[in-house]
C-alpha atoms as a PDB file:
ATOM      1  CA  MET A   1      15.935  -2.544 -66.774  1.00  0.00           C
ATOM      2  CA  SER A   2      14.373  -3.639 -63.683  1.00  0.00           C
ATOM      3  CA  ALA A   3      11.348  -2.963 -62.233  1.00  0.00           C
ATOM      4  CA  ASP A   4      12.132  -1.174 -59.763  1.00  0.00           C
ATOM      5  CA  ALA A   5      14.531   1.203 -61.650  1.00  0.00           C
ATOM      6  CA  PRO A   6      12.003   4.592 -61.022  1.00  0.00           C
ATOM      7  CA  PHE A   7      12.194   3.894 -57.276  1.00  0.00           C
ATOM      8  CA  GLN A   8      15.986   3.347 -57.439  1.00  0.00           C
ATOM      9  CA  GLN A   9      16.080   6.826 -59.734  1.00  0.00           C
ATOM     10  CA  ARG A  10      14.384   8.363 -57.642  1.00  0.00           C
ATOM     11  CA  LEU A  11      16.424   7.674 -54.304  1.00  0.00           C
ATOM     12  CA  TRP A  12      19.397   8.630 -55.955  1.00  0.00           C
ATOM     13  CA  ARG A  13      18.188  12.482 -57.164  1.00  0.00           C
ATOM     14  CA  SER A  14      16.866  12.648 -52.909  1.00  0.00           C
ATOM     15  CA  PHE A  15      20.407  11.383 -52.207  1.00  0.00           C
ATOM     16  CA  LEU A  16      22.536  13.646 -54.762  1.00  0.00           C
ATOM     17  CA  THR A  17      20.077  16.537 -53.118  1.00  0.00           C
ATOM     18  CA  ALA A  18      19.997  15.914 -49.500  1.00  0.00           C
ATOM     19  CA  ARG A  19      23.966  16.201 -49.951  1.00  0.00           C
ATOM     20  CA  VAL A  20      23.314  19.726 -52.148  1.00  0.00           C
ATOM     21  CA  ALA A  21      21.056  20.770 -49.212  1.00  0.00           C
ATOM     22  CA  VAL A  22      23.783  19.260 -46.468  1.00  0.00           C
ATOM     23  CA  ALA A  23      26.682  21.330 -48.004  1.00  0.00           C
ATOM     24  CA  THR A  24      24.295  24.753 -48.587  1.00  0.00           C
ATOM     25  CA  ALA A  25      23.381  24.051 -44.445  1.00  0.00           C
ATOM     26  CA  LEU A  26      27.122  23.935 -43.418  1.00  0.00           C
ATOM     27  CA  LEU A  27      28.390  26.824 -45.716  1.00  0.00           C
ATOM     28  CA  SER A  28      25.373  28.590 -43.893  1.00  0.00           C
ATOM     29  CA  LEU A  29      26.386  28.044 -40.492  1.00  0.00           C
ATOM     30  CA  GLN A  30      29.562  28.987 -40.918  1.00  0.00           C
ATOM     31  CA  ALA A  31      28.978  32.069 -42.392  1.00  0.00           C
ATOM     32  CA  ALA A  32      26.213  32.627 -39.599  1.00  0.00           C
ATOM     33  CA  ALA A  33      28.922  31.972 -37.624  1.00  0.00           C
ATOM     34  CA  LEU A  34      31.629  34.399 -39.265  1.00  0.00           C
ATOM     35  CA  VAL A  35      28.964  37.474 -39.420  1.00  0.00           C
ATOM     36  CA  LEU A  36      27.367  36.717 -36.046  1.00  0.00           C
ATOM     37  CA  THR A  37      30.634  35.902 -33.714  1.00  0.00           C
ATOM     38  CA  GLN A  38      33.217  37.086 -36.343  1.00  0.00           C
ATOM     39  CA  SER A  39      35.291  34.341 -35.217  1.00  0.00           C
ATOM     40  CA  ALA A  40      34.988  31.383 -37.807  1.00  0.00           C
ATOM     41  CA  GLU A  41      37.813  29.492 -38.812  1.00  0.00           C
ATOM     42  CA  PRO A  42      38.859  30.126 -42.412  1.00  0.00           C
ATOM     43  CA  ARG A  43      39.904  26.692 -42.790  1.00  0.00           C
ATOM     44  CA  LEU A  44      36.316  25.479 -41.844  1.00  0.00           C
ATOM     45  CA  MET A  45      35.229  27.588 -44.228  1.00  0.00           C
ATOM     46  CA  ALA A  46      37.073  26.487 -47.083  1.00  0.00           C
ATOM     47  CA  VAL A  47      35.770  23.007 -46.269  1.00  0.00           C
ATOM     48  CA  CYS A  48      32.068  23.926 -47.361  1.00  0.00           C
ATOM     49  CA  VAL A  49      32.582  25.558 -49.976  1.00  0.00           C
ATOM     50  CA  ALA A  50      34.576  22.620 -51.603  1.00  0.00           C
ATOM     51  CA  TYR A  51      31.943  20.337 -50.340  1.00  0.00           C
ATOM     52  CA  LEU A  52      29.031  22.377 -51.960  1.00  0.00           C
ATOM     53  CA  ALA A  53      31.368  22.744 -55.184  1.00  0.00           C
ATOM     54  CA  ALA A  54      31.578  19.248 -55.073  1.00  0.00           C
ATOM     55  CA  THR A  55      28.231  18.188 -54.370  1.00  0.00           C
ATOM     56  CA  LEU A  56      26.273  20.838 -57.175  1.00  0.00           C
ATOM     57  CA  LEU A  57      29.004  19.272 -59.852  1.00  0.00           C
ATOM     58  CA  ALA A  58      27.870  15.785 -58.560  1.00  0.00           C
ATOM     59  CA  ARG A  59      23.960  16.463 -58.559  1.00  0.00           C
ATOM     60  CA  ALA A  60      24.915  18.399 -62.073  1.00  0.00           C
ATOM     61  CA  LEU A  61      26.751  15.434 -63.673  1.00  0.00           C
ATOM     62  CA  ALA A  62      25.071  12.072 -62.405  1.00  0.00           C
ATOM     63  CA  GLY A  63      23.034  10.430 -64.666  1.00  0.00           C
ATOM     64  CA  SER A  64      19.535   9.500 -63.863  1.00  0.00           C
ATOM     65  CA  ASP A  65      20.451   6.056 -63.089  1.00  0.00           C
ATOM     66  CA  PRO A  66      22.727   5.365 -59.558  1.00  0.00           C
ATOM     67  CA  PRO A  67      25.882   3.611 -60.209  1.00  0.00           C
ATOM     68  CA  SER A  68      26.370  -0.138 -59.739  1.00  0.00           C
ATOM     69  CA  PRO A  69      25.751  -1.091 -56.288  1.00  0.00           C
ATOM     70  CA  GLN A  70      29.076  -3.500 -56.471  1.00  0.00           C
ATOM     71  CA  ALA A  71      31.619  -1.564 -54.177  1.00  0.00           C
ATOM     72  CA  GLY A  72      34.870   0.077 -56.497  1.00  0.00           C
ATOM     73  CA  PRO A  73      36.028   2.906 -57.344  1.00  0.00           C
ATOM     74  CA  HIS A  74      32.782   4.907 -59.022  1.00  0.00           C
ATOM     75  CA  TRP A  75      31.303   5.680 -55.544  1.00  0.00           C
ATOM     76  CA  LEU A  76      34.788   7.546 -54.428  1.00  0.00           C
ATOM     77  CA  PRO A  77      33.252  10.846 -56.114  1.00  0.00           C
ATOM     78  CA  LEU A  78      30.068  10.497 -54.093  1.00  0.00           C
ATOM     79  CA  LEU A  79      31.188   8.380 -50.887  1.00  0.00           C
ATOM     80  CA  GLY A  80      34.703   9.584 -51.025  1.00  0.00           C
ATOM     81  CA  VAL A  81      34.169  13.277 -51.425  1.00  0.00           C
ATOM     82  CA  ASP A  82      31.425  12.891 -48.256  1.00  0.00           C
ATOM     83  CA  LEU A  83      33.561  11.036 -45.875  1.00  0.00           C
ATOM     84  CA  ALA A  84      36.494  13.493 -47.096  1.00  0.00           C
ATOM     85  CA  ALA A  85      35.056  16.493 -46.345  1.00  0.00           C
ATOM     86  CA  VAL A  86      33.035  15.690 -42.966  1.00  0.00           C
ATOM     87  CA  GLY A  87      36.169  14.037 -41.977  1.00  0.00           C
ATOM     88  CA  LEU A  88      38.035  17.533 -42.315  1.00  0.00           C
ATOM     89  CA  LEU A  89      35.299  18.595 -40.281  1.00  0.00           C
ATOM     90  CA  GLN A  90      35.578  17.154 -37.573  1.00  0.00           C
ATOM     91  CA  TRP A  91      39.369  17.126 -37.251  1.00  0.00           C
ATOM     92  CA  LEU A  92      39.140  20.634 -37.665  1.00  0.00           C
ATOM     93  CA  GLN A  93      36.375  21.585 -35.541  1.00  0.00           C
ATOM     94  CA  THR A  94      37.385  24.117 -33.082  1.00  0.00           C
ATOM     95  CA  GLY A  95      34.426  25.219 -31.424  1.00  0.00           C
ATOM     96  CA  THR A  96      30.785  23.019 -30.341  1.00  0.00           C
ATOM     97  CA  MET A  97      29.435  22.699 -33.407  1.00  0.00           C
ATOM     98  CA  ASN A  98      29.866  18.779 -33.671  1.00  0.00           C
ATOM     99  CA  TYR A  99      30.021  17.310 -37.079  1.00  0.00           C
ATOM    100  CA  THR A 100      29.400  13.378 -36.193  1.00  0.00           C
ATOM    101  CA  PRO A 101      26.414  12.616 -37.013  1.00  0.00           C
ATOM    102  CA  LEU A 102      27.115  13.862 -40.747  1.00  0.00           C
ATOM    103  CA  PHE A 103      28.739  10.651 -41.259  1.00  0.00           C
ATOM    104  CA  GLY A 104      25.445   9.087 -41.219  1.00  0.00           C
ATOM    105  CA  LEU A 105      24.321  10.293 -45.476  1.00  0.00           C
ATOM    106  CA  PRO A 106      26.903   8.421 -46.845  1.00  0.00           C
ATOM    107  CA  VAL A 107      26.512   5.374 -44.615  1.00  0.00           C
ATOM    108  CA  LEU A 108      22.638   5.801 -45.953  1.00  0.00           C
ATOM    109  CA  LEU A 109      23.810   6.236 -49.561  1.00  0.00           C
ATOM    110  CA  ALA A 110      26.014   3.232 -49.491  1.00  0.00           C
ATOM    111  CA  SER A 111      23.585   1.304 -47.507  1.00  0.00           C
ATOM    112  CA  VAL A 112      20.249   1.866 -49.702  1.00  0.00           C
ATOM    113  CA  LEU A 113      21.867   2.038 -53.376  1.00  0.00           C
ATOM    114  CA  GLY A 114      24.940  -0.021 -52.155  1.00  0.00           C
ATOM    115  CA  THR A 115      25.617  -3.533 -51.378  1.00  0.00           C
ATOM    116  CA  LEU A 116      26.664  -4.653 -47.924  1.00  0.00           C
ATOM    117  CA  THR A 117      30.236  -4.530 -48.644  1.00  0.00           C
ATOM    118  CA  LEU A 118      29.624  -0.992 -49.377  1.00  0.00           C
ATOM    119  CA  ALA A 119      27.783   0.124 -46.896  1.00  0.00           C
ATOM    120  CA  LEU A 120      30.320  -1.370 -44.105  1.00  0.00           C
ATOM    121  CA  GLY A 121      33.282  -0.136 -45.774  1.00  0.00           C
ATOM    122  CA  THR A 122      31.605   3.148 -45.726  1.00  0.00           C
ATOM    123  CA  THR A 123      30.912   2.762 -42.250  1.00  0.00           C
ATOM    124  CA  ALA A 124      34.010   1.351 -41.187  1.00  0.00           C
ATOM    125  CA  SER A 125      36.143   4.252 -42.701  1.00  0.00           C
ATOM    126  CA  ALA A 126      33.585   6.910 -40.999  1.00  0.00           C
ATOM    127  CA  THR A 127      34.781   4.818 -38.079  1.00  0.00           C
ATOM    128  CA  LEU A 128      38.031   5.292 -38.528  1.00  0.00           C
ATOM    129  CA  MET A 129      38.209   8.981 -39.058  1.00  0.00           C
ATOM    130  CA  LEU A 130      36.170   9.272 -35.596  1.00  0.00           C
ATOM    131  CA  LEU A 131      38.449   7.669 -33.915  1.00  0.00           C
ATOM    132  CA  GLY A 132      41.223   9.488 -35.978  1.00  0.00           C
ATOM    133  CA  ALA A 133      39.960  12.772 -34.341  1.00  0.00           C
ATOM    134  CA  ALA A 134      39.504  10.822 -31.158  1.00  0.00           C
ATOM    135  CA  TRP A 135      43.367  10.372 -30.961  1.00  0.00           C
ATOM    136  CA  TRP A 136      43.979  13.774 -31.811  1.00  0.00           C
ATOM    137  CA  GLN A 137      41.368  15.312 -29.237  1.00  0.00           C
ATOM    138  CA  GLY A 138      42.671  13.063 -26.633  1.00  0.00           C
ATOM    139  CA  HIS A 139      46.037  13.325 -27.014  1.00  0.00           C
ATOM    140  CA  GLN A 140      45.863  17.453 -26.988  1.00  0.00           C
ATOM    141  CA  ARG A 141      43.936  17.116 -24.459  1.00  0.00           C
ATOM    142  CA  GLY A 142      44.690  14.351 -22.532  1.00  0.00           C
ATOM    143  CA  ASP A 143      40.966  12.627 -21.947  1.00  0.00           C
ATOM    144  CA  THR A 144      39.794   9.074 -23.276  1.00  0.00           C
ATOM    145  CA  GLN A 145      35.969  10.180 -23.443  1.00  0.00           C
ATOM    146  CA  PRO A 146      36.680  11.217 -27.228  1.00  0.00           C
ATOM    147  CA  TYR A 147      37.263   7.645 -27.964  1.00  0.00           C
ATOM    148  CA  LEU A 148      34.211   6.103 -26.397  1.00  0.00           C
ATOM    149  CA  GLN A 149      32.273   8.630 -28.107  1.00  0.00           C
ATOM    150  CA  ALA A 150      33.899   7.641 -31.276  1.00  0.00           C
ATOM    151  CA  ALA A 151      33.579   3.719 -30.780  1.00  0.00           C
ATOM    152  CA  LEU A 152      29.677   4.037 -29.245  1.00  0.00           C
ATOM    153  CA  THR A 153      29.221   6.162 -33.261  1.00  0.00           C
ATOM    154  CA  GLY A 154      31.083   3.835 -34.962  1.00  0.00           C
ATOM    155  CA  THR A 155      28.831   0.718 -33.312  1.00  0.00           C
ATOM    156  CA  GLY A 156      25.411   2.849 -33.990  1.00  0.00           C
ATOM    157  CA  TYR A 157      26.748   3.523 -38.039  1.00  0.00           C
ATOM    158  CA  PHE A 158      27.781  -0.455 -38.503  1.00  0.00           C
ATOM    159  CA  LEU A 159      24.453  -1.405 -37.113  1.00  0.00           C
ATOM    160  CA  ALA A 160      22.494   1.638 -39.033  1.00  0.00           C
ATOM    161  CA  ALA A 161      24.015   0.521 -42.311  1.00  0.00           C
ATOM    162  CA  TYR A 162      23.564  -3.299 -41.245  1.00  0.00           C
ATOM    163  CA  LEU A 163      19.815  -2.993 -41.030  1.00  0.00           C
ATOM    164  CA  THR A 164      19.140  -0.358 -43.253  1.00  0.00           C
ATOM    165  CA  HIS A 165      20.525  -2.112 -46.490  1.00  0.00           C
ATOM    166  CA  HIS A 166      18.822  -5.393 -44.990  1.00  0.00           C
ATOM    167  CA  LEU A 167      15.370  -3.273 -45.248  1.00  0.00           C
ATOM    168  CA  ALA A 168      15.761  -1.837 -48.699  1.00  0.00           C
ATOM    169  CA  GLN A 169      16.622  -5.021 -49.832  1.00  0.00           C
ATOM    170  CA  ARG A 170      13.845  -6.057 -48.807  1.00  0.00           C
ATOM    171  CA  LEU A 171      12.003  -3.449 -50.113  1.00  0.00           C
ATOM    172  CA  THR A 172      13.094  -4.024 -53.264  1.00  0.00           C
ATOM    173  CA  ARG A 173      12.512  -6.913 -53.335  1.00  0.00           C
ATOM    174  CA  GLU A 174       8.587  -6.456 -52.435  1.00  0.00           C
ATOM    175  CA  GLN A 175       8.370  -4.005 -55.249  1.00  0.00           C
ATOM    176  CA  GLN A 176       9.319  -6.444 -57.790  1.00  0.00           C
ATOM    177  CA  ALA A 177       7.181  -8.825 -56.124  1.00  0.00           C
ATOM    178  CA  ALA A 178       4.288  -6.745 -56.669  1.00  0.00           C
END
């Protein structure tokens, strides 16, 4: 066990808890929309319920140690579920709610607890989902603005992933040196 294991364990538990909090907030927002406007989209509500169930299950089944930082299928129940849920919410978006910032959670999770390859791969997946949703919106409305917004957001996520990963690695090295 490495010297930074307790710190990594705290980060791991914090990310798992943050995922549950985000899923709970999403479901609460959808429920509030249903109560206040009587026009909540049932597919969005279903995605939020499934995402909350998945995050609760992952939190309950997760061990105390984070998975191996190497990219691999062991990250799919976490990063894959987050990306799929946010991607579906973005794709099914009907009102003014913008789910784009929620891609930040899997990007940060991969950047802090994974390798740079995992972080950049997660960011690339999020960016491709944003571009796919932009294509769909542009196709429906004949507007090019969503492409520019998706490209700018994807660029920002790549920068955040790169910088966050390097800051996390530096912190780990400093803790080991101390």
